[in-house]
Protein backbone atom coordinates (compact mmCIF):
# COMPACT_ATOMS: atom_id res chain seq x y z
CA MET A 1 24.58 112.17 7.53
CA ASN A 2 24.17 114.97 4.93
CA ASP A 3 21.47 117.58 6.00
CA LEU A 4 19.19 116.79 3.23
CA LYS A 5 18.53 113.12 4.60
CA TYR A 6 18.81 114.00 7.91
CA MET A 7 15.78 116.61 7.40
CA ASN A 8 13.62 114.21 5.24
CA ILE A 9 14.09 111.25 8.21
CA GLN A 10 13.25 113.55 10.65
CA LYS A 11 9.92 114.73 8.58
CA ILE A 12 9.00 110.70 8.78
CA ARG A 13 9.89 110.44 12.40
CA LYS A 14 8.08 113.41 13.51
CA CYS A 15 4.92 111.63 11.65
CA PHE A 16 5.63 108.24 13.55
CA TYR A 17 5.64 110.24 17.05
CA GLN A 18 2.61 111.10 16.82
CA GLY A 19 1.55 107.73 17.84
CA LYS A 20 -0.72 106.84 14.81
CA VAL A 21 -0.57 104.02 12.10
CA TRP A 22 1.01 104.95 8.83
CA THR A 23 1.15 103.86 5.36
CA LYS A 24 3.96 104.60 2.56
CA ASN A 25 1.63 106.48 0.90
CA GLU A 26 0.56 108.24 3.89
CA LEU A 27 3.98 109.55 5.01
CA ALA A 28 4.76 110.41 1.36
CA LYS A 29 1.95 112.82 1.04
CA ALA A 30 2.34 114.15 4.53
CA THR A 31 6.01 114.71 3.80
CA HIS A 32 5.85 115.92 0.30
CA LEU A 33 8.76 113.42 -0.13
CA SER A 34 8.89 111.02 -3.01
CA LEU A 35 8.10 107.44 -2.68
CA ALA A 36 11.59 106.26 -3.16
CA SER A 37 12.88 108.37 -0.44
CA THR A 38 9.98 107.29 1.94
CA THR A 39 11.09 103.49 0.85
CA ASN A 40 14.61 103.93 1.96
CA ILE A 41 13.64 106.19 5.44
CA LEU A 42 11.54 103.28 6.42
CA GLN A 43 13.82 100.70 5.56
CA GLU A 44 16.38 102.51 7.86
CA LEU A 45 14.23 102.92 10.64
CA LEU A 46 13.06 99.44 10.31
CA LYS A 47 16.48 98.20 10.81
CA ASN A 48 17.06 100.01 13.59
CA GLU A 49 13.77 99.03 15.19
CA GLU A 50 12.49 102.92 15.66
CA ILE A 51 9.23 101.49 13.67
CA PHE A 52 7.50 98.20 13.58
CA PHE A 53 5.50 96.78 10.55
CA ILE A 54 2.47 95.68 11.48
CA GLY A 55 0.37 94.12 8.63
CA GLU A 56 -1.61 95.20 5.70
CA ASN A 57 -4.75 97.06 5.63
CA ASP A 58 -7.81 96.31 4.13
CA SER A 59 -8.04 95.95 0.24
CA THR A 60 -10.19 98.18 -1.61
CA GLY A 61 -9.54 96.42 -4.76
CA GLY A 62 -6.17 96.94 -5.32
CA ARG A 63 -3.04 96.28 -3.94
CA LYS A 64 -3.00 96.20 -0.21
CA SER A 65 -0.77 98.85 1.96
CA LYS A 66 1.89 98.02 4.74
CA GLN A 67 1.20 99.73 7.74
CA TYR A 68 3.69 100.64 10.17
CA VAL A 69 3.97 102.38 13.99
CA LEU A 70 6.63 103.83 15.92
CA ASN A 71 8.12 101.08 18.65
CA LYS A 72 6.86 102.80 21.59
CA ASP A 73 9.68 100.89 23.74
CA TYR A 74 12.59 102.14 21.48
CA HIS A 75 12.97 104.45 24.04
CA HIS A 76 11.80 104.79 27.57
CA ILE A 77 11.11 108.57 29.62
CA LEU A 78 11.84 109.16 32.96
CA LYS A 79 9.73 112.33 34.08
CA VAL A 80 10.60 113.69 37.42
CA ILE A 81 8.74 116.37 39.51
CA LEU A 82 9.97 118.07 42.48
CA LYS A 83 7.23 119.26 44.21
CA ARG A 84 7.11 121.58 47.27
CA GLN A 85 4.27 120.31 49.76
CA GLU A 86 3.44 123.10 52.85
CA ASP A 87 4.79 120.48 55.08
CA CYS A 88 7.34 118.18 53.10
CA TYR A 89 9.11 117.94 49.91
CA GLU A 90 8.10 115.54 47.47
CA PHE A 91 9.92 113.82 44.51
CA ILE A 92 7.57 112.20 42.09
CA CYS A 93 8.96 109.80 39.04
CA GLN A 94 6.99 108.40 36.34
CA ASP A 95 8.73 106.13 33.60
CA VAL A 96 6.84 106.26 30.64
CA ASN A 97 7.07 104.48 27.20
CA LEU A 98 7.17 107.12 23.86
CA LEU A 99 3.15 107.04 23.99
CA ASN A 100 3.15 108.51 27.43
CA GLN A 101 1.98 104.84 28.82
CA ILE A 102 3.20 104.71 32.27
CA ILE A 103 5.58 101.52 32.94
CA MET A 104 6.26 102.51 36.57
CA THR A 105 5.88 105.22 38.89
CA GLN A 106 7.85 105.82 42.36
CA SER A 107 7.66 108.55 44.70
CA LEU A 108 8.98 109.92 47.65
CA SER A 109 7.96 112.33 50.67
CA SER A 110 10.52 113.91 52.50
CA LEU A 111 11.22 116.52 55.23
CA GLN A 112 14.16 117.84 54.43
CA GLY A 113 13.91 117.39 50.21
CA THR A 114 18.08 116.25 49.75
CA LYS A 115 19.90 115.39 46.70
CA GLU A 116 21.16 112.46 48.31
CA GLU A 117 17.08 111.39 48.56
CA LEU A 118 16.68 111.88 44.53
CA MET A 119 19.84 110.41 43.63
CA ILE A 120 18.93 107.44 45.51
CA LEU A 121 15.82 107.39 43.89
CA LEU A 122 17.34 107.72 40.43
CA LYS A 123 19.71 105.12 40.75
CA ASP A 124 16.64 102.75 41.58
CA ILE A 125 14.70 103.34 39.01
CA LEU A 126 17.26 103.47 36.16
CA ASN A 127 18.69 100.03 37.60
CA LYS A 128 14.85 98.47 36.70
CA ASP A 129 14.67 99.91 33.17
CA LYS A 130 17.54 100.00 30.87
CA CYS A 131 15.65 101.45 28.04
CA ILE A 132 15.20 104.92 29.61
CA LYS A 133 16.89 107.15 27.33
CA MET A 134 15.72 110.75 28.13
CA MET A 135 15.19 111.87 31.77
CA SER A 136 13.11 115.06 32.08
CA LEU A 137 13.15 117.07 35.40
CA SER A 138 10.49 119.97 36.59
CA ILE A 139 12.30 121.97 39.16
CA PRO A 140 10.81 124.71 41.35
CA GLY A 141 13.52 127.37 41.18
CA VAL A 142 15.81 128.70 38.05
CA CYS A 143 17.61 126.51 35.89
CA TYR A 144 20.49 127.03 33.46
CA GLN A 145 23.14 124.72 31.83
CA GLY A 146 22.04 121.70 34.00
CA LYS A 147 22.90 123.92 37.10
CA ILE A 148 20.19 124.98 39.63
CA GLY A 149 19.76 128.23 40.82
CA VAL A 150 17.29 129.85 43.37
CA CYS A 151 15.01 126.79 44.46
CA ASP A 152 12.32 126.06 46.41
CA PHE A 153 14.09 122.96 47.27
CA GLU A 154 16.67 124.96 49.12
CA GLN A 155 19.21 122.00 49.19
CA PHE A 156 19.55 122.08 45.53
CA GLU A 157 20.18 125.81 45.21
CA ASN A 158 23.43 126.62 43.26
CA PHE A 159 23.80 122.70 42.45
CA ASP A 160 25.10 121.17 39.41
CA PHE A 161 22.92 118.64 38.77
CA LYS A 162 24.22 117.76 34.93
CA LYS A 163 27.43 117.09 36.43
CA SER A 164 26.09 115.23 39.36
CA ILE A 165 23.98 112.64 37.22
CA GLN A 166 26.81 111.87 34.71
CA THR A 167 28.38 110.35 37.15
CA PHE A 168 25.65 107.46 36.60
CA TYR A 169 23.49 108.38 33.61
CA GLN A 170 25.06 109.24 30.31
CA HIS A 171 22.10 109.65 28.04
CA GLN A 172 19.75 112.64 27.58
CA MET A 173 18.27 115.02 29.95
CA ILE A 174 16.07 118.15 30.60
CA LEU A 175 16.47 120.15 33.29
CA GLU A 176 13.95 123.05 33.82
CA ASN A 177 11.83 125.32 35.84
CA ASP A 178 8.48 123.55 36.98
CA VAL A 179 6.10 126.28 35.61
CA ASN A 180 7.78 126.60 32.50
CA ILE A 181 7.39 123.45 31.61
CA ALA A 182 3.31 123.51 32.74
CA SER A 183 3.29 126.07 30.31
CA ILE A 184 4.18 123.80 27.46
CA GLY A 185 1.30 121.63 28.69
CA PHE A 186 -0.90 124.53 28.96
CA SER A 187 -0.20 125.48 25.36
CA CYS A 188 -0.92 121.97 24.27
CA HIS A 189 -4.53 122.57 24.91
CA TYR A 190 -5.04 125.64 22.93
CA PRO A 191 -2.78 125.42 19.92
CA GLU A 192 -4.93 127.84 18.37
CA CYS A 193 -2.85 130.10 20.70
CA SER A 194 0.24 131.57 20.11
CA HIS A 195 0.88 134.09 22.69
CA MET A 196 0.16 132.99 26.19
CA ILE A 197 1.37 133.28 29.51
CA LEU A 198 0.55 130.16 32.89
CA VAL A 199 1.16 131.88 36.29
CA TYR A 200 1.02 129.99 39.64
CA GLN A 201 0.76 131.24 43.10
CA PRO A 202 1.78 128.43 45.44
CA LEU A 203 0.62 128.81 48.98
CA VAL A 204 4.58 128.13 49.74
CA GLU A 205 7.25 130.39 48.38
CA TYR A 206 6.66 132.80 45.39
CA ILE A 207 4.87 133.06 42.42
CA GLY A 208 6.02 131.84 38.87
CA CYS A 209 4.85 132.00 35.23
CA GLY A 210 5.95 130.50 31.94
CA ILE A 211 5.77 132.56 29.01
CA ILE A 212 4.79 131.19 25.03
CA VAL A 213 5.90 133.28 22.52
CA ASN A 214 4.95 132.68 18.75
CA GLY A 215 4.07 129.22 20.45
CA LYS A 216 7.39 128.53 21.61
CA LEU A 217 8.62 129.02 25.51
CA TYR A 218 10.55 132.38 26.07
CA ASN A 219 13.17 131.63 28.82
CA GLY A 220 15.29 134.93 28.55
CA PHE A 221 19.17 135.41 28.49
CA THR A 222 19.69 133.28 31.54
CA HIS A 223 16.30 131.31 31.92
CA PHE A 224 15.20 133.92 34.72
CA ALA A 225 12.41 135.14 32.69
CA GLY A 226 9.08 134.81 34.55
CA GLU A 227 10.61 134.95 38.24
CA LEU A 228 7.93 137.59 39.07
CA ARG A 229 9.10 137.33 42.90
CA PHE A 230 11.84 139.80 41.84
CA LEU A 231 10.02 142.67 40.69
CA PRO A 232 10.69 145.88 42.71
CA PHE A 233 6.84 146.43 43.97
CA TYR A 234 7.30 144.05 47.04
CA THR A 235 9.69 143.18 48.96
CA PRO A 236 9.62 139.42 50.62
CA GLN A 237 8.57 139.69 53.52
CA MET A 238 5.45 142.11 51.63
CA GLN A 239 4.76 139.10 49.39
CA ASP A 240 4.71 136.59 52.43
CA GLU A 241 2.34 138.97 54.18
CA MET A 242 -0.12 139.30 51.42
CA LEU A 243 -0.15 135.87 50.48
CA LYS A 244 -1.71 135.37 53.87
CA LYS A 245 -3.89 138.48 53.96
CA ASN A 246 -4.79 139.53 50.39
CA PRO A 247 -3.17 137.39 47.78
CA ALA A 248 -5.80 138.30 45.38
CA GLU A 249 -4.68 142.08 45.27
CA LEU A 250 -0.77 140.41 44.99
CA LEU A 251 -1.67 138.35 42.02
CA GLU A 252 -3.68 141.52 40.37
CA LYS A 253 -0.47 143.41 40.82
CA GLN A 254 1.85 140.78 38.96
CA LEU A 255 -0.94 140.09 36.41
CA SER A 256 -1.10 143.28 35.41
CA THR A 257 2.48 143.85 35.19
CA LEU A 258 2.71 140.84 32.58
CA CYS A 259 -0.75 142.10 30.70
CA CYS A 260 1.80 145.62 30.25
CA VAL A 261 5.14 143.99 29.63
CA LEU A 262 3.57 141.14 27.51
CA ASN A 263 0.26 141.74 25.84
CA PRO A 264 -0.88 138.05 25.87
CA GLU A 265 -3.98 136.63 24.20
CA MET A 266 -4.73 134.40 27.22
CA ILE A 267 -3.45 133.93 30.65
CA GLY A 268 -3.87 130.70 32.78
CA VAL A 269 -4.01 131.16 36.26
CA CYS A 270 -3.66 128.38 39.12
CA SER A 271 -3.83 129.80 42.52
CA ASP A 272 -3.28 127.68 45.75
CA ALA A 273 -4.64 130.97 47.80
CA ILE A 274 -7.60 132.11 45.62
CA ASP A 275 -10.42 129.18 44.88
CA ASP A 276 -11.91 131.40 41.99
CA ILE A 277 -9.99 133.55 39.38
CA LYS A 278 -13.36 135.72 39.28
CA LYS A 279 -12.15 137.63 42.13
CA ILE A 280 -9.02 138.68 39.84
CA HIS A 281 -9.96 142.14 38.09
CA LEU A 282 -7.44 144.06 35.94
CA SER A 283 -9.06 147.22 36.17
CA THR A 284 -5.90 149.28 35.50
CA ILE A 285 -5.53 147.30 32.36
CA PRO A 286 -8.13 148.76 29.55
CA THR A 287 -10.53 146.34 28.62
CA MET A 288 -9.84 145.84 24.88
CA HIS A 289 -6.21 144.65 26.15
CA GLN A 290 -6.75 142.67 28.74
CA PRO A 291 -6.50 138.67 27.59
CA ARG A 292 -8.77 135.78 28.13
CA MET A 293 -8.13 134.72 31.68
CA ILE A 294 -8.43 130.75 32.17
CA HIS A 295 -8.66 129.00 35.68
CA VAL A 296 -5.87 125.93 36.10
CA LYS A 297 -7.22 123.89 38.84
CA ASP A 298 -4.20 121.67 39.08
CA LEU A 299 -0.99 122.49 37.69
CA TYR A 300 0.86 118.89 38.16
CA PRO A 301 -1.11 117.15 34.89
CA LEU A 302 0.43 120.57 33.10
CA ILE A 303 3.53 119.37 34.04
CA GLU A 304 3.30 115.91 33.50
CA ASP A 305 2.11 116.84 29.76
CA GLY A 306 4.84 119.46 29.18
CA LEU A 307 7.91 116.94 30.05
CA TYR A 308 6.40 114.37 27.83
CA GLN A 309 6.01 117.19 25.21
CA MET A 310 9.87 118.35 25.72
CA SER A 311 11.16 114.66 25.95
CA ILE A 312 9.63 113.97 22.19
CA LYS A 313 11.15 117.07 21.04
CA GLY A 314 14.28 116.18 22.77
CA ILE A 315 14.38 112.54 21.65
CA LEU A 316 13.55 113.78 17.85
CA GLU A 317 16.51 116.30 17.92
CA GLU A 318 19.25 114.42 19.16
CA GLU A 319 18.74 111.51 16.55
CA ARG A 320 21.41 111.73 13.97
């Protein structure tokens, strides 16, 4: 497929993946493609069953227009969240269609949080749903080229997840840090803001943040961006102590650092240790440079949103 044809098909596909009902004329207008090109692309997508013809709209006196919609079951997506609790490790799996409608949910709480437990859970779900062609995983740690580095699930550290899962799953896979994923979900709620940060301060382990620059996730050279635990101001022992006795001061120092380095327009703050972000004062930052602060009460709906957005983007980029 030549590049121009591929680009034109992608324009049409992106319209359908918005979940709307479309006519040929509406698609041609939205994509600035000719009616002839739009017709050819619709025929190809219909042949592949990526879209369906669902009927004709009501006539206003002229010829009725045919209506088309995305086949929501063309692919299914498996969203996987590794969530570290205070007294256990939790695996949360959600199987959804292309419209993010839930097909099946399975979860497992574990005292150890082992790789073997996750693999058994994934194999079970994949055996139940053969339509899963995209798997997206949220990991509380550093992810780079399919490998997991520092991680709140200790048994996953230095684990080549991509290599291991390819023994029983050969389709698309996305592996990303949990706060990075949540920041993508967060940005979808504020599309007018292109420079923002999402910070998460858990009760267990260390703070992390996702960085959105020009509307896109910034990972850094080795996907290490946002690992605030490694700032040289406090040792891990000092951070543990402050998290217990004065989490607001610890968070203020870290947020002030982010403001100085990145100068975001907005910061979303989710803290399991502080019930009201009004207690946070960035006194060292001049007022005119202080960002808008948004209190995020629950990180995990944002992770679910981010996993879906990343999955759809991956599916659109992969099809060729």
